[in-house]
Amino acid sequence: MIIGTIVATRRWIARGGSRDAVETVALVSVPFGIVGARLYHVITDYQLYFGPGRTWYRAFFIWDGGLGIWGGVALGAFGGYLVARRRRIRFWALADALAPGVAIAQAVGRLGNWFNQELFGRPSTLPWALKIDPQYRPVGYEQYATFHPTFLYELIWDVAVAIAVIALDRRFRLGHGKAFMLYVMFYTAGRAWVESLRIDPAHHLGPFRLNDYVSGIVFLAALLCLLWLLRNKPGRELVVEGDRSVVGERPGSRAGETPPVPASDSFAALDQSEPSALDHPTTPEHDSGTAERAGGGPR
């Protein structure tokens, strides 16, 4: 969480936001995310807590393990939206800044699966296969000693997602939620592959695990949103926070230009690229209209 917040803060400042905005949002969205992740787990694995011989109050024992990423992202985003609205922060601009940091936080979180010897995959004899102690091997797999480290695969994928989103954001100057949609699409694509290797108990609908269907639905929804945004919301927001953080405005500059950023700030420098190929062509009339809009407030 700390690493992800640092990355997100630097990206948010590069977009013109205030330094404390991400920390303020994180103070709300992180607890919301933990609650949402636990709720998703309890709902999708209700048989572990409800029914004959089960103790329902163990659903509150979060330290026993059991979190679902989908619930965490959904409720965490809702908590972030509440704070963003209260502080007059453009939510989707903030989501774009947060996206790589969220992926990095997910990657670091996967290390816990290694310590707990959980969420590994099918038996494997590959050189990087993970040795699992007998007491942690699933029923029916007691005779196998080494398994696919699927949490390691997801960790590597999450880091790759963060790098890809940063690179594409630098190249195309993504805004209005486009970087976040790319994060969602990349993550769900990798998660679907990882799910195909896992052998831990899970609900199935036909031949596929429940999370496979969730990944597919979320991927398609993000793809449709991205296509709509590319068509209707080119470029980035001019105002990201309140009515003072106008990206690209400085004394003597035209609206829409981006101020220089110290070269030492690598994450901030990622946002200082040439205008996106996705932006509309610039004409004198277009410049004039943009300047008028920038002077009149957020669009």
C-alpha atoms as a PDB file:
ATOM      1  CA  MET A   1       0.000   0.000   0.000  1.00  0.00           C
ATOM      2  CA  ILE A   2       2.810   2.409   0.903  1.00  0.00           C
ATOM      3  CA  ILE A   3       4.697   1.799  -2.349  1.00  0.00           C
ATOM      4  CA  GLY A   4       1.526   2.149  -4.391  1.00  0.00           C
ATOM      5  CA  THR A   5       0.633   5.399  -2.618  1.00  0.00           C
ATOM      6  CA  ILE A   6       4.095   6.852  -3.295  1.00  0.00           C
ATOM      7  CA  VAL A   7       3.838   6.052  -7.010  1.00  0.00           C
ATOM      8  CA  ALA A   8       0.299   7.428  -7.217  1.00  0.00           C
ATOM      9  CA  THR A   9       1.228  10.620  -5.348  1.00  0.00           C
ATOM     10  CA  ARG A  10       4.083  11.434  -7.715  1.00  0.00           C
ATOM     11  CA  ARG A  11       1.863  10.854 -10.729  1.00  0.00           C
ATOM     12  CA  TRP A  12      -0.927  12.968  -9.245  1.00  0.00           C
ATOM     13  CA  ILE A  13       1.425  15.892  -8.562  1.00  0.00           C
ATOM     14  CA  ALA A  14       2.689  15.651 -12.147  1.00  0.00           C
ATOM     15  CA  ARG A  15      -0.914  16.072 -13.299  1.00  0.00           C
ATOM     16  CA  GLY A  16      -1.327  19.235 -11.241  1.00  0.00           C
ATOM     17  CA  GLY A  17      -2.908  17.793  -8.103  1.00  0.00           C
ATOM     18  CA  SER A  18      -2.009  18.597  -4.506  1.00  0.00           C
ATOM     19  CA  ARG A  19       0.467  16.496  -2.544  1.00  0.00           C
ATOM     20  CA  ASP A  20      -1.943  15.378   0.168  1.00  0.00           C
ATOM     21  CA  ALA A  21      -4.849  14.386  -2.090  1.00  0.00           C
ATOM     22  CA  VAL A  22      -3.748  10.773  -2.645  1.00  0.00           C
ATOM     23  CA  GLU A  23      -2.987  10.213   1.041  1.00  0.00           C
ATOM     24  CA  THR A  24      -6.395  11.577   1.988  1.00  0.00           C
ATOM     25  CA  VAL A  25      -8.122   9.307  -0.505  1.00  0.00           C
ATOM     26  CA  ALA A  26      -6.023   6.314   0.601  1.00  0.00           C
ATOM     27  CA  LEU A  27      -7.049   6.780   4.242  1.00  0.00           C
ATOM     28  CA  VAL A  28     -10.631   6.053   3.167  1.00  0.00           C
ATOM     29  CA  SER A  29     -10.288   3.799   0.128  1.00  0.00           C
ATOM     30  CA  VAL A  30      -7.869   1.322   1.753  1.00  0.00           C
ATOM     31  CA  PRO A  31     -10.221   0.409   4.660  1.00  0.00           C
ATOM     32  CA  PHE A  32     -13.136   0.357   2.211  1.00  0.00           C
ATOM     33  CA  GLY A  33     -11.109  -1.943  -0.031  1.00  0.00           C
ATOM     34  CA  ILE A  34     -10.293  -4.369   2.778  1.00  0.00           C
ATOM     35  CA  VAL A  35     -13.953  -4.579   3.792  1.00  0.00           C
ATOM     36  CA  GLY A  36     -15.005  -5.058   0.168  1.00  0.00           C
ATOM     37  CA  ALA A  37     -12.411  -7.765  -0.396  1.00  0.00           C
ATOM     38  CA  ARG A  38     -13.606  -9.652   2.669  1.00  0.00           C
ATOM     39  CA  LEU A  39     -17.264  -9.300   1.693  1.00  0.00           C
ATOM     40  CA  TYR A  40     -16.560 -10.678  -1.777  1.00  0.00           C
ATOM     41  CA  HIS A  41     -14.785 -13.679  -0.252  1.00  0.00           C
ATOM     42  CA  VAL A  42     -17.551 -14.391   2.256  1.00  0.00           C
ATOM     43  CA  ILE A  43     -20.287 -14.063  -0.378  1.00  0.00           C
ATOM     44  CA  THR A  44     -18.563 -16.271  -2.954  1.00  0.00           C
ATOM     45  CA  ASP A  45     -17.434 -18.834  -0.341  1.00  0.00           C
ATOM     46  CA  TYR A  46     -20.421 -18.637   1.974  1.00  0.00           C
ATOM     47  CA  GLN A  47     -20.371 -22.404   2.597  1.00  0.00           C
ATOM     48  CA  LEU A  48     -17.240 -21.896   4.714  1.00  0.00           C
ATOM     49  CA  TYR A  49     -19.138 -19.793   7.235  1.00  0.00           C
ATOM     50  CA  PHE A  50     -22.833 -20.641   7.021  1.00  0.00           C
ATOM     51  CA  GLY A  51     -24.628 -23.962   7.306  1.00  0.00           C
ATOM     52  CA  PRO A  52     -24.545 -27.043   9.534  1.00  0.00           C
ATOM     53  CA  GLY A  53     -21.381 -27.273  11.575  1.00  0.00           C
ATOM     54  CA  ARG A  54     -20.170 -23.811  10.533  1.00  0.00           C
ATOM     55  CA  THR A  55     -19.514 -20.812  12.766  1.00  0.00           C
ATOM     56  CA  TRP A  56     -20.841 -17.688  11.053  1.00  0.00           C
ATOM     57  CA  TYR A  57     -18.879 -15.251  13.194  1.00  0.00           C
ATOM     58  CA  ARG A  58     -15.627 -16.527  11.678  1.00  0.00           C
ATOM     59  CA  ALA A  59     -16.571 -14.465   8.640  1.00  0.00           C
ATOM     60  CA  PHE A  60     -15.219 -11.517  10.653  1.00  0.00           C
ATOM     61  CA  PHE A  61     -11.859 -13.224  11.295  1.00  0.00           C
ATOM     62  CA  ILE A  62     -10.041 -11.487   8.491  1.00  0.00           C
ATOM     63  CA  TRP A  63      -6.681 -12.542   9.951  1.00  0.00           C
ATOM     64  CA  ASP A  64      -7.513 -16.137   9.015  1.00  0.00           C
ATOM     65  CA  GLY A  65      -7.189 -15.178   5.348  1.00  0.00           C
ATOM     66  CA  GLY A  66      -9.718 -14.810   2.573  1.00  0.00           C
ATOM     67  CA  LEU A  67      -9.872 -11.646   0.467  1.00  0.00           C
ATOM     68  CA  GLY A  68     -11.319 -11.153  -3.022  1.00  0.00           C
ATOM     69  CA  ILE A  69      -9.636  -8.592  -5.268  1.00  0.00           C
ATOM     70  CA  TRP A  70     -12.854  -7.729  -7.116  1.00  0.00           C
ATOM     71  CA  GLY A  71     -14.648  -6.644  -3.966  1.00  0.00           C
ATOM     72  CA  GLY A  72     -11.577  -4.747  -2.828  1.00  0.00           C
ATOM     73  CA  VAL A  73     -11.280  -2.730  -6.034  1.00  0.00           C
ATOM     74  CA  ALA A  74     -15.026  -2.035  -6.230  1.00  0.00           C
ATOM     75  CA  LEU A  75     -15.574  -0.834  -2.665  1.00  0.00           C
ATOM     76  CA  GLY A  76     -12.172   0.848  -2.513  1.00  0.00           C
ATOM     77  CA  ALA A  77     -13.036   2.824  -5.646  1.00  0.00           C
ATOM     78  CA  PHE A  78     -16.377   3.791  -4.099  1.00  0.00           C
ATOM     79  CA  GLY A  79     -14.627   5.093  -0.993  1.00  0.00           C
ATOM     80  CA  GLY A  80     -12.207   7.031  -3.174  1.00  0.00           C
ATOM     81  CA  TYR A  81     -15.110   8.505  -5.124  1.00  0.00           C
ATOM     82  CA  LEU A  82     -16.743   9.791  -1.937  1.00  0.00           C
ATOM     83  CA  VAL A  83     -13.558  11.575  -0.894  1.00  0.00           C
ATOM     84  CA  ALA A  84     -12.900  12.887  -4.401  1.00  0.00           C
ATOM     85  CA  ARG A  85     -16.377  14.354  -4.617  1.00  0.00           C
ATOM     86  CA  ARG A  86     -16.048  16.041  -1.245  1.00  0.00           C
ATOM     87  CA  ARG A  87     -12.674  17.559  -2.152  1.00  0.00           C
ATOM     88  CA  ARG A  88     -13.714  18.545  -5.679  1.00  0.00           C
ATOM     89  CA  ILE A  89     -11.236  16.152  -7.258  1.00  0.00           C
ATOM     90  CA  ARG A  90     -11.872  14.816 -10.744  1.00  0.00           C
ATOM     91  CA  PHE A  91     -12.358  11.148  -9.877  1.00  0.00           C
ATOM     92  CA  TRP A  92     -11.292   9.668 -13.206  1.00  0.00           C
ATOM     93  CA  ALA A  93      -8.195  11.847 -13.345  1.00  0.00           C
ATOM     94  CA  LEU A  94      -7.314  10.508  -9.912  1.00  0.00           C
ATOM     95  CA  ALA A  95      -8.061   6.930 -11.016  1.00  0.00           C
ATOM     96  CA  ASP A  96      -5.627   7.345 -13.919  1.00  0.00           C
ATOM     97  CA  ALA A  97      -2.922   8.494 -11.520  1.00  0.00           C
ATOM     98  CA  LEU A  98      -3.656   5.648  -9.101  1.00  0.00           C
ATOM     99  CA  ALA A  99      -3.800   2.786 -11.615  1.00  0.00           C
ATOM    100  CA  PRO A 100      -0.081   1.812 -11.749  1.00  0.00           C
ATOM    101  CA  GLY A 101       0.208   2.188  -7.988  1.00  0.00           C
ATOM    102  CA  VAL A 102      -2.724  -0.169  -7.454  1.00  0.00           C
ATOM    103  CA  ALA A 103      -1.052  -2.772  -9.686  1.00  0.00           C
ATOM    104  CA  ILE A 104       2.204  -2.473  -7.727  1.00  0.00           C
ATOM    105  CA  ALA A 105       0.339  -2.791  -4.419  1.00  0.00           C
ATOM    106  CA  GLN A 106      -1.317  -5.961  -5.716  1.00  0.00           C
ATOM    107  CA  ALA A 107       2.073  -7.340  -6.725  1.00  0.00           C
ATOM    108  CA  VAL A 108       3.563  -6.772  -3.275  1.00  0.00           C
ATOM    109  CA  GLY A 109       0.463  -8.230  -1.642  1.00  0.00           C
ATOM    110  CA  ARG A 110       0.968 -11.505  -3.492  1.00  0.00           C
ATOM    111  CA  LEU A 111       4.104 -12.148  -1.439  1.00  0.00           C
ATOM    112  CA  GLY A 112       1.800 -13.035   1.438  1.00  0.00           C
ATOM    113  CA  ASN A 113       0.632 -16.102  -0.492  1.00  0.00           C
ATOM    114  CA  TRP A 114       4.211 -17.378  -0.526  1.00  0.00           C
ATOM    115  CA  PHE A 115       4.584 -17.066   3.249  1.00  0.00           C
ATOM    116  CA  ASN A 116       1.176 -18.712   3.792  1.00  0.00           C
ATOM    117  CA  GLN A 117       1.761 -21.432   1.169  1.00  0.00           C
ATOM    118  CA  GLU A 118      -1.593 -20.766  -0.460  1.00  0.00           C
ATOM    119  CA  LEU A 119      -3.135 -20.038  -3.869  1.00  0.00           C
ATOM    120  CA  PHE A 120      -0.588 -22.106  -5.770  1.00  0.00           C
ATOM    121  CA  GLY A 121      -1.326 -23.953  -8.986  1.00  0.00           C
ATOM    122  CA  ARG A 122      -1.236 -27.419 -10.461  1.00  0.00           C
ATOM    123  CA  PRO A 123       1.614 -29.852  -9.722  1.00  0.00           C
ATOM    124  CA  SER A 124       4.750 -28.965 -11.646  1.00  0.00           C
ATOM    125  CA  THR A 125       8.344 -30.150 -12.040  1.00  0.00           C
ATOM    126  CA  LEU A 126       9.581 -26.911 -13.611  1.00  0.00           C
ATOM    127  CA  PRO A 127      12.816 -25.473 -12.160  1.00  0.00           C
ATOM    128  CA  TRP A 128      10.885 -22.666 -10.469  1.00  0.00           C
ATOM    129  CA  ALA A 129       8.159 -24.932  -9.062  1.00  0.00           C
ATOM    130  CA  LEU A 130       7.274 -24.250  -5.434  1.00  0.00           C
ATOM    131  CA  LYS A 131       7.676 -26.882  -2.723  1.00  0.00           C
ATOM    132  CA  ILE A 132       4.584 -27.065  -0.521  1.00  0.00           C
ATOM    133  CA  ASP A 133       4.591 -28.634   2.941  1.00  0.00           C
ATOM    134  CA  PRO A 134       2.318 -31.713   3.227  1.00  0.00           C
ATOM    135  CA  GLN A 135      -0.194 -30.022   5.542  1.00  0.00           C
ATOM    136  CA  TYR A 136      -0.907 -27.353   2.910  1.00  0.00           C
ATOM    137  CA  ARG A 137      -1.447 -29.665  -0.053  1.00  0.00           C
ATOM    138  CA  PRO A 138      -5.055 -29.905  -1.289  1.00  0.00           C
ATOM    139  CA  VAL A 139      -7.054 -33.099  -1.011  1.00  0.00           C
ATOM    140  CA  GLY A 140      -6.167 -35.329  -3.952  1.00  0.00           C
ATOM    141  CA  TYR A 141      -2.719 -33.788  -4.390  1.00  0.00           C
ATOM    142  CA  GLU A 142      -1.028 -35.168  -1.284  1.00  0.00           C
ATOM    143  CA  GLN A 143       1.449 -37.199  -3.349  1.00  0.00           C
ATOM    144  CA  TYR A 144       2.841 -34.135  -5.127  1.00  0.00           C
ATOM    145  CA  ALA A 145       5.565 -32.000  -3.583  1.00  0.00           C
ATOM    146  CA  THR A 146       6.033 -29.101  -6.026  1.00  0.00           C
ATOM    147  CA  PHE A 147       3.432 -26.855  -7.650  1.00  0.00           C
ATOM    148  CA  HIS A 148       3.113 -23.868  -9.986  1.00  0.00           C
ATOM    149  CA  PRO A 149       3.743 -20.647  -7.984  1.00  0.00           C
ATOM    150  CA  THR A 150       0.722 -18.918  -9.510  1.00  0.00           C
ATOM    151  CA  PHE A 151       0.953 -16.030  -7.061  1.00  0.00           C
ATOM    152  CA  LEU A 152       4.474 -15.378  -8.416  1.00  0.00           C
ATOM    153  CA  TYR A 153       3.115 -15.363 -11.961  1.00  0.00           C
ATOM    154  CA  GLU A 154       0.506 -12.821 -10.922  1.00  0.00           C
ATOM    155  CA  LEU A 155       3.118 -10.737  -9.098  1.00  0.00           C
ATOM    156  CA  ILE A 156       5.244 -10.520 -12.250  1.00  0.00           C
ATOM    157  CA  TRP A 157       2.165  -9.766 -14.348  1.00  0.00           C
ATOM    158  CA  ASP A 158       1.064  -6.977 -11.997  1.00  0.00           C
ATOM    159  CA  VAL A 159       4.470  -5.292 -12.254  1.00  0.00           C
ATOM    160  CA  ALA A 160       4.311  -5.605 -16.049  1.00  0.00           C
ATOM    161  CA  VAL A 161       0.828  -4.039 -15.995  1.00  0.00           C
ATOM    162  CA  ALA A 162       2.116  -1.060 -14.006  1.00  0.00           C
ATOM    163  CA  ILE A 163       5.011  -0.537 -16.428  1.00  0.00           C
ATOM    164  CA  ALA A 164       2.736  -0.863 -19.467  1.00  0.00           C
ATOM    165  CA  VAL A 165       0.185   1.634 -18.138  1.00  0.00           C
ATOM    166  CA  ILE A 166       2.911   4.171 -17.308  1.00  0.00           C
ATOM    167  CA  ALA A 167       4.499   3.754 -20.749  1.00  0.00           C
ATOM    168  CA  LEU A 168       1.210   4.097 -22.632  1.00  0.00           C
ATOM    169  CA  ASP A 169       0.196   7.036 -20.471  1.00  0.00           C
ATOM    170  CA  ARG A 170       3.486   8.720 -21.323  1.00  0.00           C
ATOM    171  CA  ARG A 171       3.079   8.058 -25.035  1.00  0.00           C
ATOM    172  CA  PHE A 172      -0.589   9.019 -25.426  1.00  0.00           C
ATOM    173  CA  ARG A 173      -1.211  11.353 -22.444  1.00  0.00           C
ATOM    174  CA  LEU A 174      -4.215   9.371 -21.295  1.00  0.00           C
ATOM    175  CA  GLY A 175      -6.947  11.044 -19.277  1.00  0.00           C
ATOM    176  CA  HIS A 176     -10.621  10.823 -18.278  1.00  0.00           C
ATOM    177  CA  GLY A 177     -10.159   7.250 -16.972  1.00  0.00           C
ATOM    178  CA  LYS A 178      -8.413   5.749 -19.997  1.00  0.00           C
ATOM    179  CA  ALA A 179      -5.276   4.717 -18.081  1.00  0.00           C
ATOM    180  CA  PHE A 180      -7.439   3.089 -15.417  1.00  0.00           C
ATOM    181  CA  MET A 181      -9.406   1.158 -18.035  1.00  0.00           C
ATOM    182  CA  LEU A 182      -6.143  -0.131 -19.504  1.00  0.00           C
ATOM    183  CA  TYR A 183      -5.075  -1.289 -16.050  1.00  0.00           C
ATOM    184  CA  VAL A 184      -8.368  -3.142 -15.598  1.00  0.00           C
ATOM    185  CA  MET A 185      -8.101  -4.796 -19.021  1.00  0.00           C
ATOM    186  CA  PHE A 186      -4.481  -5.866 -18.582  1.00  0.00           C
ATOM    187  CA  TYR A 187      -5.024  -7.163 -15.066  1.00  0.00           C
ATOM    188  CA  THR A 188      -8.133  -9.187 -15.879  1.00  0.00           C
ATOM    189  CA  ALA A 189      -6.469 -10.752 -18.932  1.00  0.00           C
ATOM    190  CA  GLY A 190      -3.588 -11.997 -16.803  1.00  0.00           C
ATOM    191  CA  ARG A 191      -5.851 -13.039 -13.956  1.00  0.00           C
ATOM    192  CA  ALA A 192      -7.902 -15.237 -16.280  1.00  0.00           C
ATOM    193  CA  TRP A 193      -4.743 -17.150 -17.244  1.00  0.00           C
ATOM    194  CA  VAL A 194      -3.617 -17.502 -13.619  1.00  0.00           C
ATOM    195  CA  GLU A 195      -7.055 -18.816 -12.628  1.00  0.00           C
ATOM    196  CA  SER A 196      -6.703 -21.599 -15.203  1.00  0.00           C
ATOM    197  CA  LEU A 197      -3.686 -22.935 -13.263  1.00  0.00           C
ATOM    198  CA  ARG A 198      -5.066 -22.760  -9.732  1.00  0.00           C
ATOM    199  CA  ILE A 199      -6.385 -25.805  -7.885  1.00  0.00           C
ATOM    200  CA  ASP A 200      -7.681 -24.271  -4.651  1.00  0.00           C
ATOM    201  CA  PRO A 201     -11.398 -24.848  -3.962  1.00  0.00           C
ATOM    202  CA  ALA A 202     -13.663 -22.468  -5.883  1.00  0.00           C
ATOM    203  CA  HIS A 203     -17.180 -22.224  -7.262  1.00  0.00           C
ATOM    204  CA  HIS A 204     -17.513 -23.444 -10.844  1.00  0.00           C
ATOM    205  CA  LEU A 205     -20.101 -22.639 -13.473  1.00  0.00           C
ATOM    206  CA  GLY A 206     -19.648 -25.348 -16.039  1.00  0.00           C
ATOM    207  CA  PRO A 207     -15.954 -25.912 -16.779  1.00  0.00           C
ATOM    208  CA  PHE A 208     -14.804 -22.504 -15.529  1.00  0.00           C
ATOM    209  CA  ARG A 209     -14.205 -20.980 -12.121  1.00  0.00           C
ATOM    210  CA  LEU A 210     -16.397 -18.090 -10.986  1.00  0.00           C
ATOM    211  CA  ASN A 211     -13.446 -15.699 -11.180  1.00  0.00           C
ATOM    212  CA  ASP A 212     -12.983 -16.592 -14.862  1.00  0.00           C
ATOM    213  CA  TYR A 213     -16.449 -15.250 -15.617  1.00  0.00           C
ATOM    214  CA  VAL A 214     -15.875 -12.165 -13.488  1.00  0.00           C
ATOM    215  CA  SER A 215     -12.583 -11.489 -15.286  1.00  0.00           C
ATOM    216  CA  GLY A 216     -14.258 -11.809 -18.678  1.00  0.00           C
ATOM    217  CA  ILE A 217     -17.175  -9.527 -17.808  1.00  0.00           C
ATOM    218  CA  VAL A 218     -14.949  -6.867 -16.246  1.00  0.00           C
ATOM    219  CA  PHE A 219     -12.547  -7.011 -19.211  1.00  0.00           C
ATOM    220  CA  LEU A 220     -15.350  -6.450 -21.721  1.00  0.00           C
ATOM    221  CA  ALA A 221     -16.838  -3.622 -19.655  1.00  0.00           C
ATOM    222  CA  ALA A 222     -13.456  -1.882 -19.442  1.00  0.00           C
ATOM    223  CA  LEU A 223     -12.879  -2.354 -23.179  1.00  0.00           C
ATOM    224  CA  LEU A 224     -16.225  -0.779 -24.056  1.00  0.00           C
ATOM    225  CA  CYS A 225     -15.566   2.129 -21.694  1.00  0.00           C
ATOM    226  CA  LEU A 226     -12.116   2.664 -23.198  1.00  0.00           C
ATOM    227  CA  LEU A 227     -13.462   2.716 -26.743  1.00  0.00           C
ATOM    228  CA  TRP A 228     -16.117   5.239 -25.748  1.00  0.00           C
ATOM    229  CA  LEU A 229     -13.572   7.429 -23.978  1.00  0.00           C
ATOM    230  CA  LEU A 230     -11.191   7.378 -26.937  1.00  0.00           C
ATOM    231  CA  ARG A 231     -13.992   8.606 -29.156  1.00  0.00           C
ATOM    232  CA  ASN A 232     -15.586  11.152 -26.844  1.00  0.00           C
ATOM    233  CA  LYS A 233     -12.935  12.240 -24.308  1.00  0.00           C
ATOM    234  CA  PRO A 234      -9.594  12.851 -26.047  1.00  0.00           C
ATOM    235  CA  GLY A 235      -6.546  14.060 -24.169  1.00  0.00           C
ATOM    236  CA  ARG A 236      -6.446  14.840 -20.465  1.00  0.00           C
ATOM    237  CA  GLU A 237      -8.463  16.935 -18.061  1.00  0.00           C
ATOM    238  CA  LEU A 238      -7.505  20.597 -17.831  1.00  0.00           C
ATOM    239  CA  VAL A 239      -8.591  20.773 -14.196  1.00  0.00           C
ATOM    240  CA  VAL A 240      -7.963  17.833 -11.866  1.00  0.00           C
ATOM    241  CA  GLU A 241      -8.584  19.287  -8.402  1.00  0.00           C
ATOM    242  CA  GLY A 242     -10.785  22.187  -7.340  1.00  0.00           C
ATOM    243  CA  ASP A 243     -10.407  25.095  -9.727  1.00  0.00           C
ATOM    244  CA  ARG A 244      -6.721  25.830  -9.230  1.00  0.00           C
ATOM    245  CA  SER A 245      -4.882  22.769 -10.540  1.00  0.00           C
ATOM    246  CA  VAL A 246      -5.031  23.474 -14.235  1.00  0.00           C
ATOM    247  CA  VAL A 247      -2.629  21.122 -15.955  1.00  0.00           C
ATOM    248  CA  GLY A 248      -0.269  22.956 -18.249  1.00  0.00           C
ATOM    249  CA  GLU A 249      -1.036  26.556 -17.239  1.00  0.00           C
ATOM    250  CA  ARG A 250       1.787  28.797 -16.046  1.00  0.00           C
ATOM    251  CA  PRO A 251       2.498  32.502 -16.411  1.00  0.00           C
ATOM    252  CA  GLY A 252       3.048  33.358 -20.047  1.00  0.00           C
ATOM    253  CA  SER A 253       1.976  29.942 -21.372  1.00  0.00           C
ATOM    254  CA  ARG A 254      -0.941  28.867 -23.479  1.00  0.00           C
ATOM    255  CA  ALA A 255      -3.644  26.681 -21.949  1.00  0.00           C
ATOM    256  CA  GLY A 256      -2.945  23.063 -22.695  1.00  0.00           C
ATOM    257  CA  GLU A 257       0.857  23.301 -22.472  1.00  0.00           C
ATOM    258  CA  THR A 258       2.611  21.300 -19.783  1.00  0.00           C
ATOM    259  CA  PRO A 259       5.055  22.949 -17.366  1.00  0.00           C
ATOM    260  CA  PRO A 260       8.557  21.525 -17.098  1.00  0.00           C
ATOM    261  CA  VAL A 261       9.252  18.935 -14.416  1.00  0.00           C
ATOM    262  CA  PRO A 262      12.637  18.342 -12.767  1.00  0.00           C
ATOM    263  CA  ALA A 263      14.493  15.560 -14.522  1.00  0.00           C
ATOM    264  CA  SER A 264      15.160  13.878 -11.180  1.00  0.00           C
ATOM    265  CA  ASP A 265      11.480  13.135 -10.751  1.00  0.00           C
ATOM    266  CA  SER A 266      11.214  10.060 -12.940  1.00  0.00           C
ATOM    267  CA  PHE A 267       7.553   9.347 -12.280  1.00  0.00           C
ATOM    268  CA  ALA A 268       6.579  12.952 -12.869  1.00  0.00           C
ATOM    269  CA  ALA A 269       8.695  13.035 -16.016  1.00  0.00           C
ATOM    270  CA  LEU A 270       6.634  10.192 -17.421  1.00  0.00           C
ATOM    271  CA  ASP A 271       3.792  12.657 -17.832  1.00  0.00           C
ATOM    272  CA  GLN A 272       5.848  15.190 -19.798  1.00  0.00           C
ATOM    273  CA  SER A 273       5.586  13.780 -23.309  1.00  0.00           C
ATOM    274  CA  GLU A 274       4.528  15.236 -26.613  1.00  0.00           C
ATOM    275  CA  PRO A 275       0.785  15.743 -27.283  1.00  0.00           C
ATOM    276  CA  SER A 276      -1.004  12.478 -27.825  1.00  0.00           C
ATOM    277  CA  ALA A 277      -1.744  11.093 -31.232  1.00  0.00           C
ATOM    278  CA  LEU A 278      -5.234  10.620 -29.808  1.00  0.00           C
ATOM    279  CA  ASP A 279      -5.766  14.379 -29.366  1.00  0.00           C
ATOM    280  CA  HIS A 280      -7.558  16.472 -31.974  1.00  0.00           C
ATOM    281  CA  PRO A 281      -5.342  18.313 -34.483  1.00  0.00           C
ATOM    282  CA  THR A 282      -4.550  21.831 -33.295  1.00  0.00           C
ATOM    283  CA  THR A 283      -5.596  24.817 -35.335  1.00  0.00           C
ATOM    284  CA  PRO A 284      -5.556  28.525 -34.436  1.00  0.00           C
ATOM    285  CA  GLU A 285      -9.301  28.429 -33.922  1.00  0.00           C
ATOM    286  CA  HIS A 286      -8.956  25.324 -31.732  1.00  0.00           C
ATOM    287  CA  ASP A 287      -6.255  26.997 -29.602  1.00  0.00           C
ATOM    288  CA  SER A 288      -8.503  29.989 -29.087  1.00  0.00           C
ATOM    289  CA  GLY A 289     -11.429  27.842 -28.013  1.00  0.00           C
ATOM    290  CA  THR A 290      -9.248  25.850 -25.636  1.00  0.00           C
ATOM    291  CA  ALA A 291      -7.918  28.989 -24.009  1.00  0.00           C
ATOM    292  CA  GLU A 292     -11.435  30.299 -23.511  1.00  0.00           C
ATOM    293  CA  ARG A 293     -12.540  27.062 -21.896  1.00  0.00           C
ATOM    294  CA  ALA A 294      -9.485  26.916 -19.642  1.00  0.00           C
ATOM    295  CA  GLY A 295     -10.201  30.438 -18.463  1.00  0.00           C
ATOM    296  CA  GLY A 296     -13.806  29.621 -17.685  1.00  0.00           C
ATOM    297  CA  GLY A 297     -13.249  26.548 -15.511  1.00  0.00           C
ATOM    298  CA  PRO A 298     -13.167  22.743 -15.876  1.00  0.00           C
ATOM    299  CA  ARG A 299     -14.685  21.054 -18.873  1.00  0.00           C
END
